[in-house]
N, C-alpha and C. Protein backbone atom coordinates (compact mmCIF):
# COMPACT_ATOMS: atom_id res chain seq x y z
N MET A 1 131.86 45.68 164.44
CA MET A 1 132.97 46.41 165.05
C MET A 1 133.19 47.71 164.27
N ALA A 2 133.42 48.76 164.98
CA ALA A 2 133.70 50.06 164.37
C ALA A 2 135.07 50.04 163.72
N ARG A 3 135.20 50.80 162.66
CA ARG A 3 136.51 50.95 162.02
C ARG A 3 137.33 51.96 162.81
N ARG A 4 138.63 51.66 162.92
CA ARG A 4 139.54 52.53 163.68
C ARG A 4 140.96 52.28 163.24
N GLU A 5 141.80 53.29 163.41
CA GLU A 5 143.21 53.11 163.08
C GLU A 5 143.89 52.33 164.20
N VAL A 6 144.82 51.46 163.80
CA VAL A 6 145.58 50.63 164.73
C VAL A 6 147.04 50.70 164.31
N CYS A 7 147.94 50.67 165.28
CA CYS A 7 149.37 50.68 165.02
C CYS A 7 150.01 49.43 165.63
N PHE A 8 150.89 48.79 164.88
CA PHE A 8 151.71 47.69 165.38
C PHE A 8 153.17 48.11 165.32
N VAL A 9 153.91 47.83 166.38
CA VAL A 9 155.37 47.98 166.40
C VAL A 9 155.91 46.55 166.33
N ILE A 10 156.77 46.30 165.34
CA ILE A 10 157.23 44.94 165.07
C ILE A 10 158.75 44.88 165.22
N ALA A 11 159.21 43.96 166.05
CA ALA A 11 160.65 43.76 166.27
C ALA A 11 160.94 42.26 166.20
N ARG A 12 162.00 41.94 165.48
CA ARG A 12 162.38 40.53 165.30
C ARG A 12 161.20 39.68 164.83
N GLY A 13 160.37 40.26 163.97
CA GLY A 13 159.26 39.53 163.37
C GLY A 13 158.05 39.33 164.26
N ALA A 14 158.05 39.92 165.45
CA ALA A 14 156.93 39.77 166.38
C ALA A 14 156.30 41.13 166.68
N ILE A 15 155.01 41.13 166.91
CA ILE A 15 154.34 42.35 167.35
C ILE A 15 154.70 42.55 168.81
N VAL A 16 155.42 43.62 169.10
CA VAL A 16 155.87 43.86 170.48
C VAL A 16 155.05 44.93 171.18
N TRP A 17 154.24 45.63 170.40
CA TRP A 17 153.39 46.67 171.00
C TRP A 17 152.33 47.06 169.99
N SER A 18 151.15 47.45 170.47
CA SER A 18 150.11 47.96 169.58
C SER A 18 149.26 48.97 170.32
N ASP A 19 148.63 49.85 169.56
CA ASP A 19 147.64 50.73 170.14
C ASP A 19 146.53 50.97 169.14
N VAL A 20 145.39 51.40 169.67
CA VAL A 20 144.17 51.52 168.89
C VAL A 20 143.59 52.92 169.10
N SER A 21 143.14 53.53 168.02
CA SER A 21 142.48 54.82 168.09
C SER A 21 140.97 54.61 168.18
N SER A 22 140.28 55.62 168.59
CA SER A 22 138.82 55.57 168.55
C SER A 22 138.31 56.11 167.22
N SER A 23 139.21 56.54 166.35
CA SER A 23 138.86 57.16 165.07
C SER A 23 139.31 56.29 163.90
N PRO A 24 138.55 56.25 162.81
CA PRO A 24 138.99 55.53 161.61
C PRO A 24 139.97 56.34 160.76
N ALA A 25 140.18 57.61 161.13
CA ALA A 25 141.00 58.47 160.28
C ALA A 25 142.14 59.16 161.01
N LEU A 26 142.35 58.84 162.27
CA LEU A 26 143.38 59.53 163.04
C LEU A 26 143.90 58.62 164.15
N LEU A 27 145.21 58.55 164.25
CA LEU A 27 145.85 57.83 165.35
C LEU A 27 146.71 58.84 166.09
N PRO A 28 146.19 59.42 167.16
CA PRO A 28 146.94 60.47 167.86
C PRO A 28 148.30 59.99 168.33
N ASP A 29 149.22 60.94 168.43
CA ASP A 29 150.54 60.63 168.97
C ASP A 29 150.38 60.05 170.37
N SER A 30 151.30 59.17 170.73
CA SER A 30 151.21 58.49 172.01
C SER A 30 152.60 58.38 172.63
N ARG A 31 152.74 58.83 173.84
CA ARG A 31 154.01 58.69 174.56
C ARG A 31 154.35 57.22 174.75
N ASP A 32 153.33 56.39 175.03
CA ASP A 32 153.56 54.96 175.20
C ASP A 32 154.10 54.32 173.92
N ARG A 33 153.58 54.75 172.76
CA ARG A 33 154.07 54.22 171.49
C ARG A 33 155.54 54.59 171.29
N TRP A 34 155.87 55.87 171.53
CA TRP A 34 157.26 56.30 171.38
C TRP A 34 158.18 55.56 172.36
N ASP A 35 157.70 55.33 173.58
CA ASP A 35 158.49 54.56 174.55
C ASP A 35 158.72 53.13 174.07
N ALA A 36 157.69 52.51 173.49
CA ALA A 36 157.84 51.13 172.97
C ALA A 36 158.83 51.10 171.81
N ILE A 37 158.73 52.08 170.92
CA ILE A 37 159.66 52.15 169.80
C ILE A 37 161.09 52.31 170.32
N TRP A 38 161.28 53.19 171.28
CA TRP A 38 162.62 53.42 171.81
C TRP A 38 163.14 52.19 172.56
N ALA A 39 162.27 51.54 173.31
CA ALA A 39 162.69 50.35 174.06
C ALA A 39 163.15 49.22 173.13
N HIS A 40 162.59 49.16 171.93
CA HIS A 40 162.92 48.09 170.98
C HIS A 40 163.78 48.60 169.82
N ARG A 41 164.40 49.76 169.99
CA ARG A 41 165.10 50.41 168.89
C ARG A 41 166.19 49.56 168.26
N GLU A 42 166.85 48.72 169.03
CA GLU A 42 167.94 47.91 168.47
C GLU A 42 167.43 46.76 167.60
N THR A 43 166.21 46.29 167.85
CA THR A 43 165.67 45.13 167.13
C THR A 43 164.44 45.47 166.31
N LEU A 44 164.10 46.74 166.24
CA LEU A 44 162.91 47.18 165.54
C LEU A 44 163.01 46.90 164.05
N ASP A 45 161.97 46.25 163.51
CA ASP A 45 161.91 45.96 162.08
C ASP A 45 161.01 46.93 161.33
N GLU A 46 159.86 47.22 161.96
CA GLU A 46 158.82 47.90 161.18
C GLU A 46 157.80 48.55 162.11
N VAL A 47 157.23 49.64 161.62
CA VAL A 47 156.08 50.26 162.26
C VAL A 47 154.98 50.26 161.21
N ALA A 48 153.85 49.66 161.56
CA ALA A 48 152.74 49.53 160.62
C ALA A 48 151.48 50.10 161.24
N HIS A 49 150.66 50.70 160.41
CA HIS A 49 149.36 51.16 160.89
C HIS A 49 148.33 51.02 159.79
N SER A 50 147.08 51.16 160.18
CA SER A 50 146.00 50.96 159.24
C SER A 50 145.37 52.28 158.80
N HIS A 51 144.81 52.24 157.61
CA HIS A 51 143.96 53.30 157.08
C HIS A 51 142.65 52.62 156.67
N PRO A 52 141.77 52.36 157.64
CA PRO A 52 140.56 51.59 157.32
C PRO A 52 139.61 52.27 156.34
N LEU A 53 139.70 53.59 156.21
CA LEU A 53 138.88 54.32 155.25
C LEU A 53 139.71 54.92 154.12
N GLY A 54 140.99 54.55 154.05
CA GLY A 54 141.87 55.16 153.08
C GLY A 54 142.57 56.35 153.71
N PRO A 55 143.41 57.01 153.01
CA PRO A 55 143.74 56.81 151.61
C PRO A 55 144.70 55.62 151.42
N ASP A 56 144.83 55.22 150.18
CA ASP A 56 145.75 54.14 149.83
C ASP A 56 147.15 54.71 149.63
N ALA A 57 147.63 55.40 150.68
CA ALA A 57 148.94 56.05 150.63
C ALA A 57 149.31 56.48 152.04
N PHE A 58 150.58 56.81 152.22
CA PHE A 58 151.00 57.44 153.47
C PHE A 58 150.50 58.88 153.45
N SER A 59 150.00 59.35 154.56
CA SER A 59 149.54 60.73 154.66
C SER A 59 150.75 61.65 154.83
N PRO A 60 150.57 62.95 154.61
CA PRO A 60 151.68 63.88 154.88
C PRO A 60 152.16 63.79 156.34
N GLU A 61 151.24 63.60 157.28
CA GLU A 61 151.64 63.43 158.69
C GLU A 61 152.46 62.16 158.87
N ASP A 62 152.05 61.07 158.19
CA ASP A 62 152.83 59.83 158.23
C ASP A 62 154.25 60.08 157.75
N GLU A 63 154.38 60.81 156.65
CA GLU A 63 155.70 61.07 156.06
C GLU A 63 156.61 61.82 157.03
N THR A 64 156.09 62.85 157.67
CA THR A 64 156.94 63.61 158.60
C THR A 64 157.28 62.78 159.83
N THR A 65 156.34 61.95 160.29
CA THR A 65 156.61 61.09 161.44
C THR A 65 157.69 60.06 161.09
N MET A 66 157.61 59.46 159.91
CA MET A 66 158.61 58.46 159.50
C MET A 66 159.98 59.11 159.38
N ASP A 67 160.05 60.29 158.80
CA ASP A 67 161.33 60.99 158.68
C ASP A 67 161.92 61.30 160.06
N ALA A 68 161.08 61.74 160.98
CA ALA A 68 161.55 62.05 162.34
C ALA A 68 162.03 60.79 163.05
N LEU A 69 161.30 59.70 162.89
CA LEU A 69 161.69 58.45 163.54
C LEU A 69 163.01 57.93 162.98
N ASP A 70 163.18 57.97 161.66
CA ASP A 70 164.45 57.55 161.06
C ASP A 70 165.60 58.40 161.58
N ALA A 71 165.38 59.70 161.68
CA ALA A 71 166.43 60.60 162.17
C ALA A 71 166.76 60.30 163.63
N ALA A 72 165.75 60.05 164.44
CA ALA A 72 165.98 59.76 165.87
C ALA A 72 166.73 58.45 166.05
N LEU A 73 166.41 57.45 165.23
CA LEU A 73 167.05 56.13 165.35
C LEU A 73 168.39 56.06 164.63
N GLY A 74 168.64 57.00 163.73
CA GLY A 74 169.89 56.99 162.98
C GLY A 74 169.93 55.94 161.89
N ARG A 75 168.78 55.43 161.51
CA ARG A 75 168.69 54.44 160.43
C ARG A 75 167.26 54.40 159.91
N PRO A 76 167.09 54.04 158.66
CA PRO A 76 165.73 53.96 158.12
C PRO A 76 165.05 52.66 158.54
N LEU A 77 163.79 52.77 158.88
CA LEU A 77 162.97 51.60 159.19
C LEU A 77 162.10 51.26 157.99
N ARG A 78 161.44 50.17 158.12
CA ARG A 78 160.39 49.78 157.17
C ARG A 78 159.07 50.25 157.79
N TYR A 79 158.22 50.83 156.96
CA TYR A 79 156.91 51.31 157.40
C TYR A 79 155.85 50.73 156.48
N SER A 80 154.69 50.45 157.04
CA SER A 80 153.59 49.93 156.25
C SER A 80 152.29 50.61 156.62
N VAL A 81 151.45 50.77 155.62
CA VAL A 81 150.07 51.16 155.81
C VAL A 81 149.23 50.04 155.23
N VAL A 82 148.25 49.59 156.00
CA VAL A 82 147.36 48.53 155.57
C VAL A 82 145.97 49.14 155.36
N THR A 83 145.44 48.95 154.16
CA THR A 83 144.10 49.41 153.82
C THR A 83 143.22 48.17 153.64
N PRO A 84 141.94 48.34 153.38
CA PRO A 84 141.11 47.15 153.18
C PRO A 84 141.61 46.22 152.07
N THR A 85 142.30 46.76 151.07
CA THR A 85 142.71 45.93 149.93
C THR A 85 144.20 45.97 149.62
N LEU A 86 144.95 46.86 150.26
CA LEU A 86 146.35 47.02 149.90
C LEU A 86 147.28 47.00 151.11
N LEU A 87 148.53 46.63 150.85
CA LEU A 87 149.63 46.81 151.77
C LEU A 87 150.60 47.76 151.07
N ILE A 88 150.85 48.91 151.69
CA ILE A 88 151.74 49.92 151.12
C ILE A 88 152.98 49.97 152.00
N VAL A 89 154.15 49.86 151.38
CA VAL A 89 155.39 49.74 152.14
C VAL A 89 156.38 50.83 151.72
N ARG A 90 157.06 51.38 152.71
CA ARG A 90 158.16 52.32 152.49
C ARG A 90 159.40 51.72 153.13
N GLU A 91 160.46 51.63 152.35
CA GLU A 91 161.76 51.17 152.84
C GLU A 91 162.83 52.14 152.36
N HIS A 92 163.75 52.49 153.24
CA HIS A 92 164.84 53.39 152.91
C HIS A 92 164.33 54.69 152.27
N GLY A 93 163.20 55.17 152.77
CA GLY A 93 162.67 56.45 152.33
C GLY A 93 161.87 56.42 151.04
N HIS A 94 161.66 55.24 150.46
CA HIS A 94 160.95 55.14 149.19
C HIS A 94 159.87 54.06 149.25
N ARG A 95 158.76 54.36 148.59
CA ARG A 95 157.70 53.35 148.48
C ARG A 95 158.20 52.23 147.59
N VAL A 96 157.95 51.01 148.03
CA VAL A 96 158.39 49.84 147.26
C VAL A 96 157.19 49.20 146.58
N GLY A 97 157.47 48.43 145.54
CA GLY A 97 156.42 47.78 144.76
C GLY A 97 155.65 46.75 145.57
N GLU A 98 154.78 46.09 144.88
CA GLU A 98 153.89 45.12 145.51
C GLU A 98 154.67 44.08 146.30
N GLN A 99 154.15 43.78 147.45
CA GLN A 99 154.79 42.84 148.37
C GLN A 99 153.78 41.77 148.79
N SER A 100 154.28 40.60 149.15
CA SER A 100 153.38 39.63 149.76
C SER A 100 153.08 40.11 151.18
N GLU A 101 151.90 39.81 151.67
CA GLU A 101 151.49 40.32 152.97
C GLU A 101 152.07 39.46 154.09
N PRO A 102 152.73 40.10 155.07
CA PRO A 102 153.22 39.36 156.24
C PRO A 102 152.07 38.78 157.04
N TRP A 103 152.38 37.87 157.93
CA TRP A 103 151.38 37.15 158.72
C TRP A 103 150.52 38.07 159.57
N TRP A 104 151.02 39.24 159.95
CA TRP A 104 150.30 40.11 160.86
C TRP A 104 149.28 41.02 160.16
N VAL A 105 149.30 41.09 158.83
CA VAL A 105 148.37 41.98 158.11
C VAL A 105 146.91 41.63 158.38
N PRO A 106 146.50 40.35 158.32
CA PRO A 106 145.10 40.04 158.65
C PRO A 106 144.72 40.43 160.09
N LEU A 107 145.66 40.34 161.02
CA LEU A 107 145.40 40.75 162.39
C LEU A 107 145.17 42.26 162.48
N LEU A 108 145.98 43.03 161.75
CA LEU A 108 145.82 44.48 161.73
C LEU A 108 144.48 44.86 161.09
N ARG A 109 144.12 44.20 160.01
CA ARG A 109 142.82 44.48 159.38
C ARG A 109 141.68 44.15 160.35
N ALA A 110 141.76 43.02 161.01
CA ALA A 110 140.70 42.63 161.95
C ALA A 110 140.59 43.62 163.11
N ALA A 111 141.73 43.99 163.68
CA ALA A 111 141.72 44.94 164.80
C ALA A 111 141.18 46.30 164.38
N SER A 112 141.32 46.62 163.09
CA SER A 112 140.87 47.90 162.55
C SER A 112 139.41 47.88 162.12
N GLY A 113 138.77 46.72 162.22
CA GLY A 113 137.38 46.60 161.81
C GLY A 113 137.17 46.56 160.31
N MET A 114 138.19 46.16 159.58
CA MET A 114 138.08 46.06 158.12
C MET A 114 137.54 44.70 157.73
């Protein structure tokens, strides 16, 4: 399977929406993704995506997107990036220390071809 970026929208602990890129390094903006986020805005827990080739960090584009989403929702969300070996989490605008991996991380890695 080819490596590619994948996004999960998680609300009330369940994956309520996902999309897949054809690229391992880029997940283009999607109107459907924004619609899913807005539709679940009251129960939204987290937005997670993969970096199958790295980096082991949020990209500058990720940072601006997270800031815009927090501003639109009027509250900070939890965000995650999943790499082949790491789970990187941002909560309340700050990267948090090591975390145990939620149940959906292996699914995101598999969907990403990692």
